[in-house]
N, C-alpha and C. Protein backbone atom coordinates (compact mmCIF):
# COMPACT_ATOMS: atom_id res chain seq x y z
N MET A 1 0.82 -1.19 0.00
CA MET A 1 0.00 0.00 0.00
C MET A 1 0.87 1.26 0.00
N ARG A 2 1.93 1.25 0.80
CA ARG A 2 2.84 2.41 0.83
C ARG A 2 3.48 2.66 -0.53
N ILE A 3 3.81 1.60 -1.19
CA ILE A 3 4.44 1.73 -2.50
C ILE A 3 3.48 2.40 -3.48
N ILE A 4 2.23 2.04 -3.43
CA ILE A 4 1.24 2.63 -4.32
C ILE A 4 1.08 4.12 -4.02
N ILE A 5 1.02 4.47 -2.74
CA ILE A 5 0.88 5.88 -2.36
C ILE A 5 2.10 6.68 -2.79
N ILE A 6 3.27 6.14 -2.58
CA ILE A 6 4.50 6.82 -2.99
C ILE A 6 4.52 7.00 -4.51
N PHE A 7 4.11 5.96 -5.23
CA PHE A 7 4.06 6.04 -6.69
C PHE A 7 3.09 7.13 -7.15
N LEU A 8 1.91 7.16 -6.54
CA LEU A 8 0.91 8.17 -6.92
C LEU A 8 1.39 9.59 -6.60
N LEU A 9 2.03 9.76 -5.45
CA LEU A 9 2.55 11.08 -5.10
C LEU A 9 3.65 11.51 -6.06
N SER A 10 4.51 10.58 -6.43
CA SER A 10 5.57 10.94 -7.37
C SER A 10 5.00 11.23 -8.75
N LEU A 11 3.96 10.52 -9.12
CA LEU A 11 3.31 10.76 -10.41
C LEU A 11 2.67 12.14 -10.43
N VAL A 12 2.00 12.53 -9.35
CA VAL A 12 1.37 13.85 -9.26
C VAL A 12 2.43 14.94 -9.29
N SER A 13 3.51 14.77 -8.58
CA SER A 13 4.55 15.80 -8.58
C SER A 13 5.25 15.87 -9.93
N PHE A 14 5.37 14.74 -10.62
CA PHE A 14 6.00 14.74 -11.94
C PHE A 14 5.12 15.43 -12.97
N THR A 15 3.82 15.16 -12.96
CA THR A 15 2.93 15.76 -13.94
C THR A 15 2.66 17.22 -13.64
N GLY A 16 2.94 17.66 -12.45
CA GLY A 16 2.73 19.06 -12.10
C GLY A 16 3.83 19.97 -12.59
N THR A 17 4.96 19.42 -12.99
CA THR A 17 6.05 20.26 -13.47
C THR A 17 5.80 20.67 -14.91
N LYS A 18 6.13 21.90 -15.22
CA LYS A 18 5.90 22.46 -16.55
C LYS A 18 7.12 22.22 -17.42
N THR A 19 6.93 21.54 -18.53
CA THR A 19 7.99 21.40 -19.51
C THR A 19 7.51 22.02 -20.81
N TYR A 20 8.30 22.88 -21.37
CA TYR A 20 7.91 23.58 -22.59
C TYR A 20 7.83 22.65 -23.79
N SER A 21 8.74 21.71 -23.87
CA SER A 21 8.86 20.92 -25.08
C SER A 21 7.60 20.13 -25.41
N SER A 22 6.77 19.86 -24.43
CA SER A 22 5.59 19.07 -24.70
C SER A 22 4.46 19.88 -25.31
N ASP A 23 4.55 21.22 -25.33
CA ASP A 23 3.44 21.98 -25.88
C ASP A 23 3.64 22.38 -27.33
N PHE A 24 4.72 21.94 -27.96
CA PHE A 24 4.93 22.20 -29.38
C PHE A 24 4.17 21.15 -30.19
N PRO A 25 3.26 21.58 -31.06
CA PRO A 25 2.53 20.60 -31.87
C PRO A 25 3.45 19.91 -32.88
N THR A 26 3.08 18.72 -33.24
CA THR A 26 3.87 17.94 -34.19
C THR A 26 4.01 18.68 -35.52
N LEU A 27 2.96 19.35 -35.97
CA LEU A 27 3.01 20.09 -37.23
C LEU A 27 4.08 21.18 -37.19
N ALA A 28 4.17 21.91 -36.08
CA ALA A 28 5.17 22.96 -35.96
C ALA A 28 6.58 22.37 -35.96
N ARG A 29 6.76 21.26 -35.28
CA ARG A 29 8.06 20.59 -35.27
C ARG A 29 8.43 20.12 -36.68
N SER A 30 7.45 19.54 -37.38
CA SER A 30 7.70 19.03 -38.74
C SER A 30 8.05 20.17 -39.69
N GLU A 31 7.32 21.28 -39.61
CA GLU A 31 7.60 22.42 -40.47
C GLU A 31 9.02 22.93 -40.23
N PHE A 32 9.42 23.00 -38.96
CA PHE A 32 10.77 23.46 -38.64
C PHE A 32 11.80 22.52 -39.24
N VAL A 33 11.60 21.22 -39.09
CA VAL A 33 12.58 20.24 -39.59
C VAL A 33 12.66 20.32 -41.11
N PHE A 34 11.52 20.40 -41.79
CA PHE A 34 11.55 20.49 -43.25
C PHE A 34 12.25 21.76 -43.72
N ALA A 35 11.96 22.89 -43.07
CA ALA A 35 12.61 24.16 -43.44
C ALA A 35 14.11 24.09 -43.17
N CYS A 36 14.48 23.52 -42.05
CA CYS A 36 15.89 23.39 -41.69
C CYS A 36 16.61 22.49 -42.70
N MET A 37 15.99 21.39 -43.06
CA MET A 37 16.62 20.48 -44.02
C MET A 37 16.71 21.10 -45.41
N SER A 38 15.72 21.91 -45.79
CA SER A 38 15.77 22.51 -47.12
C SER A 38 16.85 23.58 -47.22
N SER A 39 17.21 24.18 -46.09
CA SER A 39 18.28 25.17 -46.14
C SER A 39 19.65 24.56 -45.82
N ASN A 40 19.68 23.28 -45.56
CA ASN A 40 20.93 22.54 -45.37
C ASN A 40 20.90 21.36 -46.33
N ALA A 41 21.50 20.28 -45.95
CA ALA A 41 21.45 19.07 -46.77
C ALA A 41 20.19 18.29 -46.41
N SER A 42 19.52 17.78 -47.42
CA SER A 42 18.31 16.99 -47.17
C SER A 42 18.66 15.52 -47.04
N ASN A 43 19.35 15.20 -45.96
CA ASN A 43 19.71 13.81 -45.72
C ASN A 43 19.39 13.43 -44.27
N ARG A 44 19.57 12.20 -43.95
CA ARG A 44 19.22 11.68 -42.63
C ARG A 44 20.02 12.36 -41.52
N ASP A 45 21.27 12.68 -41.78
CA ASP A 45 22.11 13.33 -40.79
C ASP A 45 21.51 14.69 -40.39
N PHE A 46 21.12 15.47 -41.38
CA PHE A 46 20.53 16.77 -41.07
C PHE A 46 19.13 16.65 -40.51
N MET A 47 18.42 15.59 -40.85
CA MET A 47 17.11 15.38 -40.24
C MET A 47 17.28 15.22 -38.74
N ALA A 48 18.28 14.47 -38.31
CA ALA A 48 18.55 14.29 -36.89
C ALA A 48 18.98 15.61 -36.24
N LYS A 49 19.84 16.36 -36.92
CA LYS A 49 20.31 17.63 -36.37
C LYS A 49 19.17 18.64 -36.27
N CYS A 50 18.34 18.71 -37.28
CA CYS A 50 17.22 19.66 -37.28
C CYS A 50 16.17 19.27 -36.24
N SER A 51 15.94 17.99 -36.09
CA SER A 51 15.01 17.52 -35.05
C SER A 51 15.54 17.87 -33.67
N CYS A 52 16.82 17.69 -33.48
CA CYS A 52 17.46 18.06 -32.22
C CYS A 52 17.30 19.56 -31.97
N ALA A 53 17.47 20.36 -33.02
CA ALA A 53 17.40 21.81 -32.88
C ALA A 53 16.03 22.27 -32.39
N ILE A 54 14.95 21.73 -32.98
CA ILE A 54 13.61 22.16 -32.55
C ILE A 54 13.33 21.65 -31.14
N ASP A 55 13.87 20.50 -30.78
CA ASP A 55 13.71 20.02 -29.40
C ASP A 55 14.40 20.96 -28.42
N GLU A 56 15.58 21.44 -28.78
CA GLU A 56 16.31 22.37 -27.90
C GLU A 56 15.58 23.71 -27.80
N ILE A 57 15.04 24.18 -28.90
CA ILE A 57 14.27 25.43 -28.86
C ILE A 57 13.05 25.24 -27.98
N ALA A 58 12.38 24.10 -28.11
CA ALA A 58 11.17 23.83 -27.33
C ALA A 58 11.46 23.72 -25.83
N LYS A 59 12.68 23.37 -25.47
CA LYS A 59 13.05 23.33 -24.06
C LYS A 59 13.16 24.72 -23.45
N ARG A 60 13.42 25.71 -24.31
CA ARG A 60 13.74 27.05 -23.82
C ARG A 60 12.61 28.06 -23.95
N MET A 61 11.55 27.71 -24.69
CA MET A 61 10.43 28.64 -24.82
C MET A 61 9.15 27.86 -25.09
N THR A 62 8.03 28.47 -24.75
CA THR A 62 6.75 27.83 -25.00
C THR A 62 6.42 27.94 -26.49
N TYR A 63 5.47 27.15 -26.92
CA TYR A 63 5.06 27.23 -28.31
C TYR A 63 4.44 28.59 -28.62
N LYS A 64 3.70 29.13 -27.67
CA LYS A 64 3.08 30.45 -27.87
C LYS A 64 4.15 31.51 -28.10
N GLU A 65 5.21 31.49 -27.30
CA GLU A 65 6.32 32.44 -27.48
C GLU A 65 6.99 32.24 -28.83
N TYR A 66 7.19 30.99 -29.20
CA TYR A 66 7.83 30.66 -30.47
C TYR A 66 6.97 31.15 -31.64
N ALA A 67 5.66 30.89 -31.59
CA ALA A 67 4.77 31.32 -32.67
C ALA A 67 4.73 32.84 -32.78
N GLN A 68 4.72 33.52 -31.64
CA GLN A 68 4.74 34.98 -31.67
C GLN A 68 6.04 35.50 -32.29
N ALA A 69 7.15 34.92 -31.90
CA ALA A 69 8.45 35.35 -32.43
C ALA A 69 8.54 35.09 -33.93
N GLU A 70 8.04 33.95 -34.38
CA GLU A 70 8.04 33.65 -35.81
C GLU A 70 7.17 34.64 -36.58
N ALA A 71 6.01 34.99 -36.03
CA ALA A 71 5.13 35.97 -36.68
C ALA A 71 5.80 37.34 -36.73
N ILE A 72 6.45 37.72 -35.65
CA ILE A 72 7.16 39.01 -35.60
C ILE A 72 8.29 39.01 -36.63
N ALA A 73 9.01 37.92 -36.74
CA ALA A 73 10.11 37.83 -37.71
C ALA A 73 9.59 38.02 -39.13
N ARG A 74 8.44 37.44 -39.44
CA ARG A 74 7.87 37.61 -40.78
C ARG A 74 7.43 39.05 -41.01
N LEU A 75 6.86 39.67 -39.97
CA LEU A 75 6.43 41.06 -40.10
C LEU A 75 7.61 42.00 -40.27
N GLN A 76 8.72 41.68 -39.63
CA GLN A 76 9.89 42.55 -39.71
C GLN A 76 10.53 42.53 -41.09
N LEU A 77 10.23 41.54 -41.88
CA LEU A 77 10.80 41.46 -43.23
C LEU A 77 10.18 42.49 -44.17
N GLY A 78 8.96 42.92 -43.87
CA GLY A 78 8.27 43.88 -44.74
C GLY A 78 8.72 45.31 -44.50
N ALA A 79 8.21 46.21 -45.32
CA ALA A 79 8.63 47.62 -45.22
C ALA A 79 7.45 48.57 -45.05
N SER A 80 6.24 48.05 -44.84
CA SER A 80 5.10 48.94 -44.65
C SER A 80 5.15 49.56 -43.25
N PRO A 81 4.44 50.67 -43.02
CA PRO A 81 4.45 51.31 -41.70
C PRO A 81 3.98 50.37 -40.58
N ARG A 82 3.01 49.52 -40.88
CA ARG A 82 2.52 48.57 -39.88
C ARG A 82 3.63 47.59 -39.49
N GLU A 83 4.35 47.13 -40.46
CA GLU A 83 5.44 46.19 -40.20
C GLU A 83 6.61 46.87 -39.52
N GLU A 84 6.85 48.13 -39.84
CA GLU A 84 7.92 48.90 -39.19
C GLU A 84 7.66 49.05 -37.70
N ALA A 85 6.40 49.12 -37.31
CA ALA A 85 6.04 49.30 -35.91
C ALA A 85 6.52 48.13 -35.06
N PHE A 86 6.55 46.94 -35.63
CA PHE A 86 6.95 45.77 -34.87
C PHE A 86 8.45 45.74 -34.57
N LYS A 87 9.22 46.53 -35.26
CA LYS A 87 10.66 46.53 -35.05
C LYS A 87 11.07 47.23 -33.76
N SER A 88 10.20 48.09 -33.22
CA SER A 88 10.57 48.85 -32.03
C SER A 88 9.74 48.52 -30.80
N VAL A 89 8.76 47.66 -30.90
CA VAL A 89 7.91 47.33 -29.76
C VAL A 89 8.69 46.45 -28.78
N GLY A 90 8.58 46.77 -27.49
CA GLY A 90 9.32 46.04 -26.47
C GLY A 90 9.05 44.55 -26.45
N LEU A 91 7.77 44.16 -26.55
CA LEU A 91 7.43 42.74 -26.55
C LEU A 91 8.06 42.04 -27.75
N SER A 92 8.09 42.72 -28.87
CA SER A 92 8.71 42.14 -30.07
C SER A 92 10.18 41.88 -29.83
N LYS A 93 10.86 42.84 -29.27
CA LYS A 93 12.29 42.66 -29.00
C LYS A 93 12.53 41.53 -28.01
N GLU A 94 11.71 41.49 -26.97
CA GLU A 94 11.85 40.44 -25.95
C GLU A 94 11.65 39.06 -26.56
N ARG A 95 10.60 38.90 -27.35
CA ARG A 95 10.31 37.61 -27.98
C ARG A 95 11.43 37.21 -28.95
N MET A 96 11.89 38.16 -29.73
CA MET A 96 12.93 37.86 -30.71
C MET A 96 14.24 37.51 -30.02
N GLU A 97 14.58 38.22 -28.95
CA GLU A 97 15.81 37.89 -28.21
C GLU A 97 15.74 36.49 -27.63
N LYS A 98 14.58 36.12 -27.11
CA LYS A 98 14.42 34.78 -26.55
C LYS A 98 14.55 33.73 -27.65
N LEU A 99 13.97 34.01 -28.81
CA LEU A 99 14.10 33.08 -29.93
C LEU A 99 15.55 32.97 -30.38
N TYR A 100 16.24 34.10 -30.49
CA TYR A 100 17.65 34.07 -30.91
C TYR A 100 18.51 33.29 -29.92
N ARG A 101 18.26 33.47 -28.62
CA ARG A 101 19.03 32.71 -27.62
C ARG A 101 18.74 31.21 -27.75
N ALA A 102 17.47 30.85 -27.95
CA ALA A 102 17.10 29.45 -28.09
C ALA A 102 17.72 28.85 -29.35
N GLN A 103 17.72 29.62 -30.44
CA GLN A 103 18.33 29.14 -31.68
C GLN A 103 19.84 28.97 -31.53
N ALA A 104 20.47 29.90 -30.85
CA ALA A 104 21.92 29.80 -30.64
C ALA A 104 22.26 28.57 -29.80
N ALA A 105 21.46 28.32 -28.76
CA ALA A 105 21.69 27.14 -27.92
C ALA A 105 21.49 25.87 -28.75
N SER A 106 20.48 25.87 -29.61
CA SER A 106 20.24 24.68 -30.43
C SER A 106 21.39 24.46 -31.43
N GLU A 107 21.95 25.54 -31.95
CA GLU A 107 23.09 25.40 -32.87
C GLU A 107 24.28 24.78 -32.14
N LEU A 108 24.55 25.26 -30.93
CA LEU A 108 25.67 24.72 -30.17
C LEU A 108 25.45 23.27 -29.79
N GLU A 109 24.24 22.93 -29.45
CA GLU A 109 23.92 21.58 -28.97
C GLU A 109 23.83 20.56 -30.11
N CYS A 110 23.32 20.97 -31.26
CA CYS A 110 22.95 19.99 -32.28
C CYS A 110 23.83 19.99 -33.54
N PHE A 111 24.49 21.08 -33.83
CA PHE A 111 25.23 21.15 -35.10
C PHE A 111 26.69 21.15 -34.85
């Protein structure tokens, strides 16, 4: 009986911890891997490296933060006044810096 109680308590404490990597949808991970492979070599070696990279990014930020940073990055590529506004907004800078740090960590870890 004690073993069951200890197991249940450890299970509750384990499931209560927040891990970012589990909230990235498979589609987002797949899109990242395909884009990464298309800008590198499209072989099994790079598939493993690109998969590792998105896993490392997912460890460092939530999917919501990642999606916001990706949207901001796309907006920053444009030159309209609306898109220019995103280049100076504090939240935009914060999200982009977090994405850049996560990408740098993934490069060091996986490539």
